[in-house]
Amino acid sequence: MSVRVFIKRHVPRNEAPKLTELLKRMRSFSLAQPGYVYGETLARHDQPEEYLVISTWRSIEDWNNWMNNPQRAEVQQEIDLLLGEETEYAVYEHV
């Protein structure tokens, strides 16, 4: 069963260009990851410093494999250091 992952980040305006480059790197890795279906990045209209990535995976196992991917972990560490806080994840499945 597919899962959707909601990934929330708070991005200081001056760091948005750097974050965009890191997200592009992350996306290029995810495209090669088995089970990756689709992803999109959104900025909140009334609070543009809040970003939301919606990532769709074929299964929770595929998502967990992605979370354990060393390339992903390396870029994620760079993102968290840039933003000064940990990224929030919420995984949902269809009912």
Protein backbone atom coordinates (compact mmCIF):
# COMPACT_ATOMS: atom_id res chain seq x y z
CA MET A 1 0.00 0.00 0.00
CA SER A 2 1.39 3.41 -0.93
CA VAL A 3 2.30 6.02 1.65
CA ARG A 4 2.51 9.79 1.56
CA VAL A 5 5.13 11.53 3.60
CA PHE A 6 4.72 15.16 4.67
CA ILE A 7 8.06 16.81 5.39
CA LYS A 8 7.94 20.22 7.04
CA ARG A 9 10.81 22.68 7.29
CA HIS A 10 11.09 26.24 8.57
CA VAL A 11 13.39 28.15 6.24
CA PRO A 12 14.85 31.58 7.01
CA ARG A 13 14.40 33.73 3.90
CA ASN A 14 18.13 34.26 3.47
CA GLU A 15 18.68 30.46 3.40
CA ALA A 16 16.00 29.63 0.79
CA PRO A 17 18.41 29.59 -2.22
CA LYS A 18 20.81 27.22 -0.41
CA LEU A 19 17.93 24.98 0.65
CA THR A 20 16.62 24.85 -2.92
CA GLU A 21 19.97 23.49 -4.12
CA LEU A 22 20.04 20.87 -1.37
CA LEU A 23 16.47 19.80 -2.17
CA LYS A 24 17.40 19.42 -5.84
CA ARG A 25 20.25 17.10 -4.82
CA MET A 26 17.91 15.13 -2.58
CA ARG A 27 15.34 14.84 -5.37
CA SER A 28 17.96 13.55 -7.83
CA PHE A 29 18.85 10.78 -5.37
CA SER A 30 15.21 9.94 -4.69
CA LEU A 31 14.46 9.50 -8.40
CA ALA A 32 16.85 6.53 -8.44
CA GLN A 33 15.43 5.03 -5.24
CA PRO A 34 13.20 1.96 -5.71
CA GLY A 35 9.62 2.69 -4.72
CA TYR A 36 9.72 6.45 -5.21
CA VAL A 37 6.56 7.58 -7.01
CA TYR A 38 6.28 11.35 -6.87
CA GLY A 39 7.24 14.42 -4.88
CA GLU A 40 6.52 18.11 -4.77
CA THR A 41 7.79 21.04 -2.72
CA LEU A 42 5.45 23.80 -1.58
CA ALA A 43 5.91 27.09 0.28
CA ARG A 44 3.08 28.14 2.57
CA HIS A 45 1.23 31.12 1.11
CA ASP A 46 0.70 33.05 4.36
CA GLN A 47 4.04 32.00 5.89
CA PRO A 48 6.53 31.66 3.02
CA GLU A 49 9.29 30.55 5.39
CA GLU A 50 7.41 27.26 5.91
CA TYR A 51 8.13 24.61 3.29
CA LEU A 52 6.24 21.35 2.85
CA VAL A 53 7.48 18.44 0.77
CA ILE A 54 4.88 15.82 -0.13
CA SER A 55 6.57 12.59 -1.11
CA THR A 56 4.72 9.49 -2.34
CA TRP A 57 6.19 6.00 -1.99
CA ARG A 58 4.97 2.62 -3.18
CA SER A 59 5.19 1.15 0.36
CA ILE A 60 6.31 1.93 3.89
CA GLU A 61 9.23 -0.43 3.30
CA ASP A 62 10.36 1.65 0.33
CA TRP A 63 10.12 4.80 2.47
CA ASN A 64 12.10 3.19 5.29
CA ASN A 65 14.78 2.10 2.81
CA TRP A 66 14.99 5.69 1.60
CA MET A 67 15.30 6.98 5.17
CA ASN A 68 18.26 4.62 5.65
CA ASN A 69 19.95 5.64 2.39
CA PRO A 70 23.40 7.11 3.19
CA GLN A 71 23.21 9.71 0.38
CA ARG A 72 19.87 10.95 1.71
CA ALA A 73 21.18 11.06 5.27
CA GLU A 74 24.19 13.13 4.21
CA VAL A 75 22.09 15.75 2.42
CA GLN A 76 19.53 15.73 5.23
CA GLN A 77 22.26 16.50 7.73
CA GLU A 78 23.33 19.47 5.60
CA ILE A 79 19.71 20.68 5.49
CA ASP A 80 19.26 20.43 9.26
CA LEU A 81 22.54 22.26 9.87
CA LEU A 82 21.55 25.00 7.42
CA LEU A 83 18.14 25.48 9.04
CA GLY A 84 19.31 25.05 12.63
CA GLU A 85 16.60 22.50 13.45
CA GLU A 86 15.55 18.98 12.62
CA THR A 87 13.16 18.33 9.77
CA GLU A 88 9.67 17.11 10.75
CA TYR A 89 8.26 13.97 9.11
CA ALA A 90 4.72 12.56 9.14
CA VAL A 91 3.88 9.36 7.25
CA TYR A 92 0.29 8.69 6.15
CA GLU A 93 -1.35 5.75 4.43
CA HIS A 94 -4.68 5.38 2.66
CA VAL A 95 -7.61 4.02 4.65
